[in-house]
Amino acid sequence: MNAFFDELAERFVRAAGRRGAAVQAPALEPAVAQEILELARVAAHTQERRFAPLASFMAGVAAERLRRSGGPSSADAVAELIREVRNELEEAHPPAAV
């Protein structure tokens, strides 16, 4: 994705290694990253700003659970999953008219 996220991924690998676990570096696909950012935006504007990081975390957990269940787990499928939930949030909490 970019140098910051590449380095962050390697930090997670090293931190897991210090705990005796060998993990693959997490990757952030551009389509998924865009949907996570949009989800965070909607969470921040329809609920509380501080919910945005937790909503992003939950999206990652949901994506991993989808993968583990044998469901579609391509980057496009994960992006669609996040987009669907974001759209539901936006429909449930439309922005206030200005």
N, C-alpha and C. Protein backbone atom coordinates (compact mmCIF):
# COMPACT_ATOMS: atom_id res chain seq x y z
N MET A 1 0.84 -1.19 0.00
CA MET A 1 0.00 0.00 0.00
C MET A 1 0.88 1.24 0.00
N ASN A 2 1.66 1.44 1.07
CA ASN A 2 2.67 2.48 1.10
C ASN A 2 3.71 2.13 2.16
N ALA A 3 4.75 2.91 2.23
CA ALA A 3 5.87 2.58 3.12
C ALA A 3 5.44 2.48 4.58
N PHE A 4 4.55 3.37 5.03
CA PHE A 4 4.11 3.32 6.43
C PHE A 4 3.46 1.98 6.74
N PHE A 5 2.54 1.53 5.90
CA PHE A 5 1.84 0.28 6.17
C PHE A 5 2.73 -0.93 5.97
N ASP A 6 3.68 -0.85 5.05
CA ASP A 6 4.65 -1.94 4.90
C ASP A 6 5.47 -2.10 6.18
N GLU A 7 5.95 -0.97 6.72
CA GLU A 7 6.73 -1.02 7.96
C GLU A 7 5.86 -1.46 9.14
N LEU A 8 4.63 -0.99 9.19
CA LEU A 8 3.72 -1.40 10.26
C LEU A 8 3.50 -2.90 10.23
N ALA A 9 3.32 -3.46 9.04
CA ALA A 9 3.14 -4.91 8.90
C ALA A 9 4.35 -5.66 9.44
N GLU A 10 5.54 -5.18 9.12
CA GLU A 10 6.75 -5.83 9.62
C GLU A 10 6.87 -5.71 11.14
N ARG A 11 6.41 -4.60 11.68
CA ARG A 11 6.42 -4.45 13.14
C ARG A 11 5.51 -5.49 13.80
N PHE A 12 4.35 -5.75 13.19
CA PHE A 12 3.46 -6.77 13.73
C PHE A 12 4.10 -8.16 13.66
N VAL A 13 4.80 -8.43 12.57
CA VAL A 13 5.50 -9.72 12.42
C VAL A 13 6.55 -9.87 13.52
N ARG A 14 7.35 -8.83 13.72
CA ARG A 14 8.38 -8.89 14.76
C ARG A 14 7.78 -9.01 16.16
N ALA A 15 6.71 -8.27 16.42
CA ALA A 15 6.07 -8.33 17.74
C ALA A 15 5.49 -9.72 17.99
N ALA A 16 4.90 -10.33 16.98
CA ALA A 16 4.39 -11.69 17.13
C ALA A 16 5.54 -12.66 17.37
N GLY A 17 6.64 -12.45 16.66
CA GLY A 17 7.81 -13.30 16.84
C GLY A 17 8.35 -13.25 18.25
N ARG A 18 8.32 -12.06 18.86
CA ARG A 18 8.77 -11.94 20.25
C ARG A 18 7.84 -12.69 21.21
N ARG A 19 6.68 -13.05 20.74
CA ARG A 19 5.73 -13.82 21.54
C ARG A 19 5.72 -15.29 21.15
N GLY A 20 6.70 -15.67 20.34
CA GLY A 20 6.84 -17.06 19.95
C GLY A 20 5.96 -17.49 18.79
N ALA A 21 5.39 -16.54 18.07
CA ALA A 21 4.50 -16.88 16.95
C ALA A 21 5.10 -16.37 15.64
N ALA A 22 5.03 -17.20 14.64
CA ALA A 22 5.45 -16.79 13.30
C ALA A 22 4.19 -16.48 12.50
N VAL A 23 4.03 -15.21 12.14
CA VAL A 23 2.86 -14.80 11.37
C VAL A 23 3.29 -14.18 10.06
N GLN A 24 2.42 -14.28 9.11
CA GLN A 24 2.65 -13.65 7.82
C GLN A 24 2.37 -12.15 7.97
N ALA A 25 3.15 -11.33 7.31
CA ALA A 25 2.93 -9.88 7.37
C ALA A 25 1.54 -9.56 6.84
N PRO A 26 0.75 -8.81 7.61
CA PRO A 26 -0.57 -8.43 7.10
C PRO A 26 -0.42 -7.49 5.91
N ALA A 27 -1.27 -7.66 4.94
CA ALA A 27 -1.26 -6.81 3.75
C ALA A 27 -2.56 -6.03 3.68
N LEU A 28 -2.48 -4.84 3.17
CA LEU A 28 -3.65 -3.99 3.03
C LEU A 28 -3.85 -3.70 1.56
N GLU A 29 -4.86 -4.32 0.99
CA GLU A 29 -5.16 -4.12 -0.42
C GLU A 29 -5.82 -2.75 -0.61
N PRO A 30 -5.50 -2.04 -1.68
CA PRO A 30 -6.05 -0.69 -1.87
C PRO A 30 -7.58 -0.61 -1.81
N ALA A 31 -8.28 -1.55 -2.43
CA ALA A 31 -9.75 -1.51 -2.41
C ALA A 31 -10.28 -1.69 -0.99
N VAL A 32 -9.66 -2.57 -0.23
CA VAL A 32 -10.07 -2.80 1.15
C VAL A 32 -9.73 -1.58 2.00
N ALA A 33 -8.55 -1.01 1.80
CA ALA A 33 -8.15 0.18 2.54
C ALA A 33 -9.15 1.31 2.31
N GLN A 34 -9.56 1.50 1.09
CA GLN A 34 -10.53 2.56 0.78
C GLN A 34 -11.85 2.33 1.50
N GLU A 35 -12.31 1.10 1.52
CA GLU A 35 -13.58 0.81 2.19
C GLU A 35 -13.46 0.96 3.71
N ILE A 36 -12.31 0.59 4.26
CA ILE A 36 -12.11 0.77 5.70
C ILE A 36 -12.12 2.26 6.05
N LEU A 37 -11.46 3.07 5.23
CA LEU A 37 -11.47 4.51 5.47
C LEU A 37 -12.88 5.09 5.38
N GLU A 38 -13.65 4.60 4.42
CA GLU A 38 -15.03 5.08 4.28
C GLU A 38 -15.88 4.63 5.48
N LEU A 39 -15.68 3.40 5.93
CA LEU A 39 -16.39 2.92 7.12
C LEU A 39 -16.04 3.77 8.33
N ALA A 40 -14.76 4.08 8.50
CA ALA A 40 -14.33 4.92 9.61
C ALA A 40 -14.97 6.30 9.53
N ARG A 41 -15.05 6.84 8.33
CA ARG A 41 -15.68 8.15 8.14
C ARG A 41 -17.14 8.11 8.56
N VAL A 42 -17.86 7.09 8.13
CA VAL A 42 -19.28 6.98 8.46
C VAL A 42 -19.46 6.77 9.97
N ALA A 43 -18.64 5.92 10.55
CA ALA A 43 -18.73 5.70 12.00
C ALA A 43 -18.49 7.01 12.76
N ALA A 44 -17.49 7.75 12.33
CA ALA A 44 -17.17 9.01 13.01
C ALA A 44 -18.27 10.05 12.86
N HIS A 45 -18.96 10.04 11.73
CA HIS A 45 -19.98 11.06 11.48
C HIS A 45 -21.38 10.64 11.91
N THR A 46 -21.62 9.36 12.09
CA THR A 46 -22.96 8.94 12.49
C THR A 46 -23.03 8.52 13.94
N GLN A 47 -21.90 8.28 14.56
CA GLN A 47 -21.86 7.88 15.96
C GLN A 47 -20.95 8.85 16.72
N GLU A 48 -19.80 8.36 17.10
CA GLU A 48 -18.80 9.20 17.76
C GLU A 48 -17.48 9.03 17.02
N ARG A 49 -16.71 10.09 16.96
CA ARG A 49 -15.42 10.03 16.27
C ARG A 49 -14.55 8.91 16.80
N ARG A 50 -14.57 8.71 18.09
CA ARG A 50 -13.70 7.69 18.69
C ARG A 50 -14.10 6.27 18.30
N PHE A 51 -15.27 6.09 17.71
CA PHE A 51 -15.69 4.77 17.26
C PHE A 51 -15.02 4.35 15.95
N ALA A 52 -14.47 5.30 15.20
CA ALA A 52 -13.90 5.01 13.88
C ALA A 52 -12.81 3.94 13.93
N PRO A 53 -11.83 4.03 14.83
CA PRO A 53 -10.80 2.98 14.86
C PRO A 53 -11.36 1.61 15.23
N LEU A 54 -12.32 1.59 16.15
CA LEU A 54 -12.90 0.31 16.55
C LEU A 54 -13.76 -0.29 15.43
N ALA A 55 -14.44 0.56 14.68
CA ALA A 55 -15.21 0.07 13.53
C ALA A 55 -14.26 -0.54 12.51
N SER A 56 -13.10 0.08 12.32
CA SER A 56 -12.10 -0.45 11.39
C SER A 56 -11.57 -1.79 11.87
N PHE A 57 -11.30 -1.89 13.16
CA PHE A 57 -10.84 -3.15 13.74
C PHE A 57 -11.90 -4.24 13.53
N MET A 58 -13.16 -3.91 13.81
CA MET A 58 -14.23 -4.89 13.63
C MET A 58 -14.33 -5.35 12.18
N ALA A 59 -14.09 -4.45 11.24
CA ALA A 59 -14.11 -4.84 9.83
C ALA A 59 -13.03 -5.87 9.56
N GLY A 60 -11.85 -5.69 10.14
CA GLY A 60 -10.77 -6.66 9.97
C GLY A 60 -11.11 -8.00 10.59
N VAL A 61 -11.70 -7.98 11.76
CA VAL A 61 -12.11 -9.23 12.42
C VAL A 61 -13.16 -9.94 11.57
N ALA A 62 -14.13 -9.20 11.07
CA ALA A 62 -15.17 -9.80 10.23
C ALA A 62 -14.58 -10.40 8.96
N ALA A 63 -13.62 -9.70 8.36
CA ALA A 63 -12.98 -10.22 7.14
C ALA A 63 -12.25 -11.52 7.43
N GLU A 64 -11.55 -11.58 8.55
CA GLU A 64 -10.83 -12.81 8.90
C GLU A 64 -11.81 -13.94 9.20
N ARG A 65 -12.90 -13.64 9.85
CA ARG A 65 -13.90 -14.68 10.14
C ARG A 65 -14.55 -15.17 8.86
N LEU A 66 -14.76 -14.29 7.92
CA LEU A 66 -15.29 -14.69 6.61
C LEU A 66 -14.32 -15.66 5.94
N ARG A 67 -13.03 -15.30 5.98
CA ARG A 67 -12.01 -16.16 5.37
C ARG A 67 -11.99 -17.53 6.04
N ARG A 68 -11.98 -17.54 7.37
CA ARG A 68 -11.92 -18.81 8.11
C ARG A 68 -13.15 -19.68 7.90
N SER A 69 -14.27 -19.06 7.61
CA SER A 69 -15.50 -19.82 7.39
C SER A 69 -15.53 -20.48 6.02
N GLY A 70 -14.57 -20.12 5.18
CA GLY A 70 -14.54 -20.66 3.82
C GLY A 70 -15.29 -19.79 2.84
N GLY A 71 -15.77 -18.65 3.31
CA GLY A 71 -16.49 -17.73 2.43
C GLY A 71 -15.53 -17.02 1.49
N PRO A 72 -16.07 -16.20 0.62
CA PRO A 72 -15.22 -15.48 -0.32
C PRO A 72 -14.32 -14.51 0.44
N SER A 73 -13.03 -14.56 0.18
CA SER A 73 -12.11 -13.72 0.94
C SER A 73 -11.11 -12.96 0.07
N SER A 74 -11.42 -12.83 -1.21
CA SER A 74 -10.56 -12.01 -2.07
C SER A 74 -10.67 -10.56 -1.61
N ALA A 75 -9.73 -9.75 -2.05
CA ALA A 75 -9.78 -8.33 -1.70
C ALA A 75 -11.09 -7.70 -2.14
N ASP A 76 -11.56 -8.06 -3.32
CA ASP A 76 -12.83 -7.52 -3.81
C ASP A 76 -14.00 -7.96 -2.93
N ALA A 77 -13.99 -9.22 -2.48
CA ALA A 77 -15.08 -9.72 -1.63
C ALA A 77 -15.07 -9.03 -0.27
N VAL A 78 -13.88 -8.82 0.28
CA VAL A 78 -13.78 -8.14 1.57
C VAL A 78 -14.22 -6.68 1.43
N ALA A 79 -13.78 -6.03 0.37
CA ALA A 79 -14.20 -4.64 0.14
C ALA A 79 -15.72 -4.55 0.02
N GLU A 80 -16.33 -5.50 -0.67
CA GLU A 80 -17.79 -5.52 -0.82
C GLU A 80 -18.48 -5.74 0.52
N LEU A 81 -17.94 -6.62 1.34
CA LEU A 81 -18.50 -6.87 2.68
C LEU A 81 -18.50 -5.57 3.49
N ILE A 82 -17.39 -4.87 3.51
CA ILE A 82 -17.28 -3.63 4.27
C ILE A 82 -18.20 -2.56 3.68
N ARG A 83 -18.25 -2.47 2.36
CA ARG A 83 -19.10 -1.49 1.68
C ARG A 83 -20.57 -1.72 2.03
N GLU A 84 -20.98 -2.99 2.04
CA GLU A 84 -22.37 -3.31 2.36
C GLU A 84 -22.74 -2.82 3.77
N VAL A 85 -21.87 -3.09 4.72
CA VAL A 85 -22.14 -2.68 6.10
C VAL A 85 -22.12 -1.15 6.21
N ARG A 86 -21.16 -0.52 5.55
CA ARG A 86 -21.09 0.95 5.57
C ARG A 86 -22.36 1.56 5.00
N ASN A 87 -22.84 1.00 3.88
CA ASN A 87 -24.07 1.51 3.28
C ASN A 87 -25.25 1.35 4.22
N GLU A 88 -25.31 0.23 4.94
CA GLU A 88 -26.39 0.03 5.91
C GLU A 88 -26.32 1.08 7.01
N LEU A 89 -25.11 1.37 7.48
CA LEU A 89 -24.95 2.41 8.51
C LEU A 89 -25.41 3.77 8.00
N GLU A 90 -25.02 4.09 6.78
CA GLU A 90 -25.41 5.38 6.22
C GLU A 90 -26.91 5.49 6.04
N GLU A 91 -27.56 4.39 5.64
CA GLU A 91 -29.01 4.40 5.48
C GLU A 91 -29.73 4.53 6.82
N ALA A 92 -29.16 3.89 7.85
CA ALA A 92 -29.77 3.93 9.18
C ALA A 92 -29.57 5.28 9.85
N HIS A 93 -28.50 5.98 9.49
CA HIS A 93 -28.15 7.26 10.11
C HIS A 93 -27.77 8.26 9.02
N PRO A 94 -28.75 8.74 8.24
CA PRO A 94 -28.40 9.68 7.17
C PRO A 94 -27.81 10.97 7.75
N PRO A 95 -26.90 11.61 6.99
CA PRO A 95 -26.33 12.85 7.47
C PRO A 95 -27.40 13.93 7.63
N ALA A 96 -27.23 14.78 8.60
CA ALA A 96 -28.18 15.86 8.84
C ALA A 96 -28.15 16.84 7.67
N ALA A 97 -29.32 17.36 7.33
CA ALA A 97 -29.41 18.36 6.25
C ALA A 97 -28.78 19.66 6.74
N VAL A 98 -28.05 20.29 5.83
CA VAL A 98 -27.37 21.54 6.19
C VAL A 98 -28.10 22.71 5.59
